Amino acid sequence: MRPKLSIVLSMYNEEKAIQLVVEELTKILEKNKISHQIILVEGGSSDNSFKIARRLEKKYPQCIAVKYGHLLGEKIIKGLKEARGKYVGIMYSDGQVNPYVIPSFIKMLDEKKSDIIKGSRRARKGLSRRITSFFFNLISRLLFSIKTWDINGHPKIFDSRLISLLNLQVKDVTIDLEIMVKAKKLNLKVKEILVDERDRIGGSSSVYFITALRTLMHVLSFKWGKKKKLFEVENIK
């Protein structure tokens, strides 16, 4: 049977978190009788993340482990290609995202209240992350006229038929921005729901000052540089 939801978890050095995240997610979806597929996409990790993902694949029939790429965007794109569900979702695998909101997101999609339902974090953990997030969202809003205040907020869940329409191309951390910009150009309705950001279960953040600076350069390139064509409407199939 086709599952109701396929959810992609991108992994990077999450050996301490991924088992707890999958167990919690599975428990919530089963309790709410949501048939599901969990797609674990690992790439570039220096720990035992993929080994644990393979172990989870054997334990849970609805779980598959994929080793692919190094960057967030390419992992998400690969995961979406493996998705079989009516709805698809993307979510971080570090335990910061609270999966308890997912059943309510599914219900809103069933009721046709929006095309994309996404989380919006009430407050980022740590002053530097709050500052970085604020300026990233502010600059993106000004450049691309999008309304969301938490572009990178997860989970993001939408009908699987939108995968081909969005035609995602960005391989790095700005793939969430690509989703939001293309959603606007496609006149899709996006609904943000406030969610609490939890502490990471394990590992450390891969976002540093140099990463933030590199991300800003990517954003500017999407507006005026060589990457502008990736966001153009004519590139959407």
C-alpha atoms as a PDB file:
ATOM      1  CA  MET A   1       0.000   0.000   0.000  1.00  0.00           C
ATOM      2  CA  ARG A   2       1.089   3.545  -0.687  1.00  0.00           C
ATOM      3  CA  PRO A   3       2.013   5.261   2.599  1.00  0.00           C
ATOM      4  CA  LYS A   4       0.276   8.456   3.636  1.00  0.00           C
ATOM      5  CA  LEU A   5       3.578  10.177   4.384  1.00  0.00           C
ATOM      6  CA  SER A   6       7.179   9.827   3.228  1.00  0.00           C
ATOM      7  CA  ILE A   7       9.544  11.871   5.355  1.00  0.00           C
ATOM      8  CA  VAL A   8      13.172  12.544   4.469  1.00  0.00           C
ATOM      9  CA  LEU A   9      15.694  12.892   7.284  1.00  0.00           C
ATOM     10  CA  SER A  10      19.032  14.290   6.108  1.00  0.00           C
ATOM     11  CA  MET A  11      21.888  13.047   8.286  1.00  0.00           C
ATOM     12  CA  TYR A  12      25.342  14.379   9.109  1.00  0.00           C
ATOM     13  CA  ASN A  13      27.216  13.024  12.139  1.00  0.00           C
ATOM     14  CA  GLU A  14      24.020  12.094  13.972  1.00  0.00           C
ATOM     15  CA  GLU A  15      25.021   8.776  15.547  1.00  0.00           C
ATOM     16  CA  LYS A  16      23.805   9.949  18.974  1.00  0.00           C
ATOM     17  CA  ALA A  17      20.497  11.293  17.719  1.00  0.00           C
ATOM     18  CA  ILE A  18      19.146   9.323  14.794  1.00  0.00           C
ATOM     19  CA  GLN A  19      17.868   6.240  16.615  1.00  0.00           C
ATOM     20  CA  LEU A  20      15.964   8.325  19.172  1.00  0.00           C
ATOM     21  CA  VAL A  21      14.575  10.556  16.404  1.00  0.00           C
ATOM     22  CA  VAL A  22      13.350   7.598  14.335  1.00  0.00           C
ATOM     23  CA  GLU A  23      11.851   5.865  17.374  1.00  0.00           C
ATOM     24  CA  GLU A  24      10.008   9.021  18.450  1.00  0.00           C
ATOM     25  CA  LEU A  25       8.793   9.740  14.925  1.00  0.00           C
ATOM     26  CA  THR A  26       7.611   6.166  14.421  1.00  0.00           C
ATOM     27  CA  LYS A  27       5.755   6.148  17.736  1.00  0.00           C
ATOM     28  CA  ILE A  28       3.908   9.389  16.905  1.00  0.00           C
ATOM     29  CA  LEU A  29       2.935   8.329  13.387  1.00  0.00           C
ATOM     30  CA  GLU A  30       1.764   4.877  14.489  1.00  0.00           C
ATOM     31  CA  LYS A  31      -0.235   6.345  17.375  1.00  0.00           C
ATOM     32  CA  ASN A  32      -2.032   8.626  14.905  1.00  0.00           C
ATOM     33  CA  LYS A  33      -2.469   5.779  12.402  1.00  0.00           C
ATOM     34  CA  ILE A  34      -0.477   7.543   9.680  1.00  0.00           C
ATOM     35  CA  SER A  35       1.094   5.004   7.335  1.00  0.00           C
ATOM     36  CA  HIS A  36       4.595   6.168   6.581  1.00  0.00           C
ATOM     37  CA  GLN A  37       7.985   5.748   4.988  1.00  0.00           C
ATOM     38  CA  ILE A  38      11.097   7.150   6.703  1.00  0.00           C
ATOM     39  CA  ILE A  39      13.996   7.868   4.364  1.00  0.00           C
ATOM     40  CA  LEU A  40      17.372   8.294   6.057  1.00  0.00           C
ATOM     41  CA  VAL A  41      19.888   9.957   3.750  1.00  0.00           C
ATOM     42  CA  GLU A  42      23.433  10.096   5.108  1.00  0.00           C
ATOM     43  CA  GLY A  43      26.475  11.570   3.431  1.00  0.00           C
ATOM     44  CA  GLY A  44      29.808  12.954   4.538  1.00  0.00           C
ATOM     45  CA  SER A  45      29.594  11.792   8.152  1.00  0.00           C
ATOM     46  CA  SER A  46      32.761  10.840  10.019  1.00  0.00           C
ATOM     47  CA  ASP A  47      30.930   8.814  12.675  1.00  0.00           C
ATOM     48  CA  ASN A  48      28.687   5.718  12.652  1.00  0.00           C
ATOM     49  CA  SER A  49      25.561   7.499  11.382  1.00  0.00           C
ATOM     50  CA  PHE A  50      25.093   5.281   8.332  1.00  0.00           C
ATOM     51  CA  LYS A  51      25.809   2.086  10.252  1.00  0.00           C
ATOM     52  CA  ILE A  52      23.038   2.998  12.695  1.00  0.00           C
ATOM     53  CA  ALA A  53      20.743   3.966   9.802  1.00  0.00           C
ATOM     54  CA  ARG A  54      21.216   0.491   8.300  1.00  0.00           C
ATOM     55  CA  ARG A  55      20.421  -1.039  11.674  1.00  0.00           C
ATOM     56  CA  LEU A  56      17.198   0.991  11.828  1.00  0.00           C
ATOM     57  CA  GLU A  57      16.358  -0.100   8.287  1.00  0.00           C
ATOM     58  CA  LYS A  58      16.409  -3.721   9.459  1.00  0.00           C
ATOM     59  CA  LYS A  59      14.386  -2.974  12.588  1.00  0.00           C
ATOM     60  CA  TYR A  60      11.650  -0.900  10.921  1.00  0.00           C
ATOM     61  CA  PRO A  61      10.221  -2.190   7.593  1.00  0.00           C
ATOM     62  CA  GLN A  62       9.019   1.325   6.733  1.00  0.00           C
ATOM     63  CA  CYS A  63      12.525   2.769   7.084  1.00  0.00           C
ATOM     64  CA  ILE A  64      15.154   2.881   4.330  1.00  0.00           C
ATOM     65  CA  ALA A  65      18.785   4.002   4.548  1.00  0.00           C
ATOM     66  CA  VAL A  66      20.497   5.740   1.640  1.00  0.00           C
ATOM     67  CA  LYS A  67      24.108   6.871   1.400  1.00  0.00           C
ATOM     68  CA  TYR A  68      24.397   9.834  -0.922  1.00  0.00           C
ATOM     69  CA  GLY A  69      26.185  13.163  -1.265  1.00  0.00           C
ATOM     70  CA  HIS A  70      27.651  15.520   1.300  1.00  0.00           C
ATOM     71  CA  LEU A  71      25.434  18.599   1.143  1.00  0.00           C
ATOM     72  CA  LEU A  72      21.967  19.132   2.622  1.00  0.00           C
ATOM     73  CA  GLY A  73      20.264  19.945  -0.663  1.00  0.00           C
ATOM     74  CA  GLU A  74      21.531  16.947  -2.568  1.00  0.00           C
ATOM     75  CA  LYS A  75      20.488  14.641   0.284  1.00  0.00           C
ATOM     76  CA  ILE A  76      16.972  16.084   0.312  1.00  0.00           C
ATOM     77  CA  ILE A  77      16.651  15.832  -3.475  1.00  0.00           C
ATOM     78  CA  LYS A  78      17.825  12.216  -3.369  1.00  0.00           C
ATOM     79  CA  GLY A  79      15.430  11.420  -0.528  1.00  0.00           C
ATOM     80  CA  LEU A  80      12.461  12.908  -2.388  1.00  0.00           C
ATOM     81  CA  LYS A  81      13.255  10.678  -5.360  1.00  0.00           C
ATOM     82  CA  GLU A  82      12.839   7.679  -3.049  1.00  0.00           C
ATOM     83  CA  ALA A  83       9.516   8.929  -1.643  1.00  0.00           C
ATOM     84  CA  ARG A  84       6.369   6.901  -2.335  1.00  0.00           C
ATOM     85  CA  GLY A  85       3.891   8.654  -0.036  1.00  0.00           C
ATOM     86  CA  LYS A  86       0.868  10.781  -0.825  1.00  0.00           C
ATOM     87  CA  TYR A  87       2.548  13.539   1.167  1.00  0.00           C
ATOM     88  CA  VAL A  88       6.266  14.155   1.523  1.00  0.00           C
ATOM     89  CA  GLY A  89       8.148  15.920   4.278  1.00  0.00           C
ATOM     90  CA  ILE A  90      11.675  17.021   5.087  1.00  0.00           C
ATOM     91  CA  MET A  91      13.050  17.271   8.589  1.00  0.00           C
ATOM     92  CA  TYR A  92      16.387  17.588  10.359  1.00  0.00           C
ATOM     93  CA  SER A  93      17.649  14.495  12.157  1.00  0.00           C
ATOM     94  CA  ASP A  94      19.361  16.118  15.165  1.00  0.00           C
ATOM     95  CA  GLY A  95      16.359  15.994  17.501  1.00  0.00           C
ATOM     96  CA  GLN A  96      15.722  19.747  17.487  1.00  0.00           C
ATOM     97  CA  VAL A  97      12.504  19.393  15.498  1.00  0.00           C
ATOM     98  CA  ASN A  98       9.473  18.287  17.508  1.00  0.00           C
ATOM     99  CA  PRO A  99       7.632  15.672  15.398  1.00  0.00           C
ATOM    100  CA  TYR A 100       4.458  15.952  17.496  1.00  0.00           C
ATOM    101  CA  VAL A 101       3.234  18.642  15.083  1.00  0.00           C
ATOM    102  CA  ILE A 102       3.273  16.330  12.066  1.00  0.00           C
ATOM    103  CA  PRO A 103      -0.216  14.777  12.535  1.00  0.00           C
ATOM    104  CA  SER A 104      -1.770  18.259  12.673  1.00  0.00           C
ATOM    105  CA  PHE A 105       0.151  19.227   9.515  1.00  0.00           C
ATOM    106  CA  ILE A 106      -1.235  16.154   7.753  1.00  0.00           C
ATOM    107  CA  LYS A 107      -4.751  17.012   8.846  1.00  0.00           C
ATOM    108  CA  MET A 108      -4.442  20.534   7.414  1.00  0.00           C
ATOM    109  CA  LEU A 109      -3.245  19.136   4.107  1.00  0.00           C
ATOM    110  CA  ASP A 110      -6.160  16.671   4.057  1.00  0.00           C
ATOM    111  CA  GLU A 111      -8.502  19.604   4.616  1.00  0.00           C
ATOM    112  CA  LYS A 112      -6.859  21.537   1.743  1.00  0.00           C
ATOM    113  CA  LYS A 113      -6.017  24.444   4.025  1.00  0.00           C
ATOM    114  CA  SER A 114      -2.661  25.001   2.368  1.00  0.00           C
ATOM    115  CA  ASP A 115      -0.266  23.598  -0.224  1.00  0.00           C
ATOM    116  CA  ILE A 116       2.784  23.563   2.029  1.00  0.00           C
ATOM    117  CA  ILE A 117       2.713  23.358   5.816  1.00  0.00           C
ATOM    118  CA  LYS A 118       5.944  24.238   7.585  1.00  0.00           C
ATOM    119  CA  GLY A 119       7.284  24.830  11.056  1.00  0.00           C
ATOM    120  CA  SER A 120       8.421  28.241  12.245  1.00  0.00           C
ATOM    121  CA  ARG A 121      10.691  28.175  15.275  1.00  0.00           C
ATOM    122  CA  ARG A 122       9.630  30.448  18.138  1.00  0.00           C
ATOM    123  CA  ALA A 123      13.240  31.223  19.080  1.00  0.00           C
ATOM    124  CA  ARG A 124      16.596  29.920  17.923  1.00  0.00           C
ATOM    125  CA  LYS A 125      18.933  28.381  20.464  1.00  0.00           C
ATOM    126  CA  GLY A 126      21.927  30.641  21.071  1.00  0.00           C
ATOM    127  CA  LEU A 127      22.459  34.325  20.386  1.00  0.00           C
ATOM    128  CA  SER A 128      24.691  33.846  17.336  1.00  0.00           C
ATOM    129  CA  ARG A 129      22.163  31.524  15.691  1.00  0.00           C
ATOM    130  CA  ARG A 130      19.321  33.967  16.376  1.00  0.00           C
ATOM    131  CA  ILE A 131      21.290  36.824  14.808  1.00  0.00           C
ATOM    132  CA  THR A 132      22.369  34.756  11.804  1.00  0.00           C
ATOM    133  CA  SER A 133      18.827  33.453  11.265  1.00  0.00           C
ATOM    134  CA  PHE A 134      17.315  36.938  11.569  1.00  0.00           C
ATOM    135  CA  PHE A 135      19.539  38.487   8.909  1.00  0.00           C
ATOM    136  CA  PHE A 136      19.259  35.498   6.566  1.00  0.00           C
ATOM    137  CA  ASN A 137      15.468  35.668   6.692  1.00  0.00           C
ATOM    138  CA  LEU A 138      15.384  39.468   6.461  1.00  0.00           C
ATOM    139  CA  ILE A 139      17.676  39.615   3.418  1.00  0.00           C
ATOM    140  CA  SER A 140      15.818  36.756   1.714  1.00  0.00           C
ATOM    141  CA  ARG A 141      12.453  38.410   2.337  1.00  0.00           C
ATOM    142  CA  LEU A 142      13.664  41.700   0.869  1.00  0.00           C
ATOM    143  CA  LEU A 143      15.337  40.157  -2.171  1.00  0.00           C
ATOM    144  CA  PHE A 144      12.652  37.639  -3.124  1.00  0.00           C
ATOM    145  CA  SER A 145       9.492  39.199  -1.617  1.00  0.00           C
ATOM    146  CA  ILE A 146       8.614  36.066   0.329  1.00  0.00           C
ATOM    147  CA  LYS A 147       6.600  36.348   3.521  1.00  0.00           C
ATOM    148  CA  THR A 148       7.943  33.573   5.697  1.00  0.00           C
ATOM    149  CA  TRP A 149      10.032  34.551   8.733  1.00  0.00           C
ATOM    150  CA  ASP A 150      11.668  31.161   9.171  1.00  0.00           C
ATOM    151  CA  ILE A 151      12.705  29.931   5.748  1.00  0.00           C
ATOM    152  CA  ASN A 152      14.693  27.019   7.183  1.00  0.00           C
ATOM    153  CA  GLY A 153      11.933  26.006   9.613  1.00  0.00           C
ATOM    154  CA  HIS A 154      11.100  22.293   9.622  1.00  0.00           C
ATOM    155  CA  PRO A 155       9.228  20.083   9.202  1.00  0.00           C
ATOM    156  CA  LYS A 156       8.024  21.030   5.723  1.00  0.00           C
ATOM    157  CA  ILE A 157       5.242  18.810   4.407  1.00  0.00           C
ATOM    158  CA  PHE A 158       3.440  18.966   1.059  1.00  0.00           C
ATOM    159  CA  ASP A 159       1.676  16.843  -1.557  1.00  0.00           C
ATOM    160  CA  SER A 160       4.096  14.616  -3.463  1.00  0.00           C
ATOM    161  CA  ARG A 161       2.705  15.975  -6.735  1.00  0.00           C
ATOM    162  CA  LEU A 162       4.577  19.202  -6.006  1.00  0.00           C
ATOM    163  CA  ILE A 163       7.965  17.470  -6.261  1.00  0.00           C
ATOM    164  CA  SER A 164       8.006  17.707 -10.058  1.00  0.00           C
ATOM    165  CA  LEU A 165       6.608  21.247 -10.002  1.00  0.00           C
ATOM    166  CA  LEU A 166       9.236  22.507  -7.584  1.00  0.00           C
ATOM    167  CA  ASN A 167      11.960  20.720  -9.574  1.00  0.00           C
ATOM    168  CA  LEU A 168      14.518  21.325  -6.832  1.00  0.00           C
ATOM    169  CA  GLN A 169      18.055  22.009  -8.031  1.00  0.00           C
ATOM    170  CA  VAL A 170      20.007  23.590  -5.169  1.00  0.00           C
ATOM    171  CA  LYS A 171      22.458  21.181  -3.564  1.00  0.00           C
ATOM    172  CA  ASP A 172      23.499  23.170  -0.502  1.00  0.00           C
ATOM    173  CA  VAL A 173      21.835  24.563   2.640  1.00  0.00           C
ATOM    174  CA  THR A 174      19.850  27.132   0.652  1.00  0.00           C
ATOM    175  CA  ILE A 175      17.470  24.474  -0.686  1.00  0.00           C
ATOM    176  CA  ASP A 176      14.837  25.679   1.804  1.00  0.00           C
ATOM    177  CA  LEU A 177      15.050  29.133   0.232  1.00  0.00           C
ATOM    178  CA  GLU A 178      14.585  27.553  -3.191  1.00  0.00           C
ATOM    179  CA  ILE A 179      11.405  25.837  -1.960  1.00  0.00           C
ATOM    180  CA  MET A 180       9.985  29.092  -0.623  1.00  0.00           C
ATOM    181  CA  VAL A 181      10.863  31.160  -3.706  1.00  0.00           C
ATOM    182  CA  LYS A 182       9.463  28.598  -6.124  1.00  0.00           C
ATOM    183  CA  ALA A 183       6.337  28.183  -3.995  1.00  0.00           C
ATOM    184  CA  LYS A 184       5.743  31.921  -4.372  1.00  0.00           C
ATOM    185  CA  LYS A 185       6.302  31.828  -8.137  1.00  0.00           C
ATOM    186  CA  LEU A 186       3.901  28.888  -8.414  1.00  0.00           C
ATOM    187  CA  ASN A 187       1.308  30.769  -6.322  1.00  0.00           C
ATOM    188  CA  LEU A 188       1.285  27.995  -3.746  1.00  0.00           C
ATOM    189  CA  LYS A 189      -0.206  28.733  -0.361  1.00  0.00           C
ATOM    190  CA  VAL A 190       2.297  28.301   2.469  1.00  0.00           C
ATOM    191  CA  LYS A 191       1.151  28.065   6.073  1.00  0.00           C
ATOM    192  CA  GLU A 192       3.618  28.507   8.950  1.00  0.00           C
ATOM    193  CA  ILE A 193       2.938  26.927  12.320  1.00  0.00           C
ATOM    194  CA  LEU A 194       4.890  27.966  15.404  1.00  0.00           C
ATOM    195  CA  VAL A 195       6.995  25.153  16.838  1.00  0.00           C
ATOM    196  CA  ASP A 196       9.434  24.964  19.728  1.00  0.00           C
ATOM    197  CA  GLU A 197      13.068  24.281  18.940  1.00  0.00           C
ATOM    198  CA  ARG A 198      14.528  21.672  21.252  1.00  0.00           C
ATOM    199  CA  ASP A 199      18.133  21.085  22.273  1.00  0.00           C
ATOM    200  CA  ARG A 200      20.174  18.858  19.998  1.00  0.00           C
ATOM    201  CA  ILE A 201      20.294  15.255  21.165  1.00  0.00           C
ATOM    202  CA  GLY A 202      23.926  14.884  20.206  1.00  0.00           C
ATOM    203  CA  GLY A 203      26.666  16.180  17.970  1.00  0.00           C
ATOM    204  CA  SER A 204      27.281  19.817  17.189  1.00  0.00           C
ATOM    205  CA  SER A 205      25.952  22.313  14.723  1.00  0.00           C
ATOM    206  CA  SER A 206      27.642  22.507  11.327  1.00  0.00           C
ATOM    207  CA  VAL A 207      26.671  26.173  10.992  1.00  0.00           C
ATOM    208  CA  TYR A 208      29.581  28.532  11.631  1.00  0.00           C
ATOM    209  CA  PHE A 209      30.400  32.136  10.683  1.00  0.00           C
ATOM    210  CA  ILE A 210      32.106  31.025   7.475  1.00  0.00           C
ATOM    211  CA  THR A 211      29.035  28.922   6.616  1.00  0.00           C
ATOM    212  CA  ALA A 212      26.765  31.913   7.193  1.00  0.00           C
ATOM    213  CA  LEU A 213      28.978  34.095   4.977  1.00  0.00           C
ATOM    214  CA  ARG A 214      29.018  31.462   2.248  1.00  0.00           C
ATOM    215  CA  THR A 215      25.229  31.169   2.474  1.00  0.00           C
ATOM    216  CA  LEU A 216      24.868  34.940   2.053  1.00  0.00           C
ATOM    217  CA  MET A 217      26.988  34.795  -1.103  1.00  0.00           C
ATOM    218  CA  HIS A 218      24.745  32.028  -2.440  1.00  0.00           C
ATOM    219  CA  VAL A 219      21.636  34.102  -1.723  1.00  0.00           C
ATOM    220  CA  LEU A 220      23.079  37.086  -3.615  1.00  0.00           C
ATOM    221  CA  SER A 221      24.019  34.798  -6.506  1.00  0.00           C
ATOM    222  CA  PHE A 222      20.441  33.517  -6.712  1.00  0.00           C
ATOM    223  CA  LYS A 223      19.275  37.110  -7.123  1.00  0.00           C
ATOM    224  CA  TRP A 224      21.931  38.592  -9.417  1.00  0.00           C
ATOM    225  CA  GLY A 225      24.598  35.976 -10.159  1.00  0.00           C
ATOM    226  CA  LYS A 226      25.141  32.751 -12.056  1.00  0.00           C
ATOM    227  CA  LYS A 227      22.668  30.819  -9.882  1.00  0.00           C
ATOM    228  CA  LYS A 228      19.756  33.124 -10.742  1.00  0.00           C
ATOM    229  CA  LYS A 229      18.531  30.676 -13.394  1.00  0.00           C
ATOM    230  CA  LEU A 230      17.898  28.022 -10.719  1.00  0.00           C
ATOM    231  CA  PHE A 231      15.062  30.128  -9.300  1.00  0.00           C
ATOM    232  CA  GLU A 232      13.559  31.260 -12.605  1.00  0.00           C
ATOM    233  CA  VAL A 233      10.017  30.163 -13.400  1.00  0.00           C
ATOM    234  CA  GLU A 234      10.921  28.755 -16.812  1.00  0.00           C
ATOM    235  CA  ASN A 235      13.143  26.204 -15.089  1.00  0.00           C
ATOM    236  CA  ILE A 236      10.141  24.788 -13.221  1.00  0.00           C
ATOM    237  CA  LYS A 237       8.753  21.764 -15.033  1.00  0.00           C
END
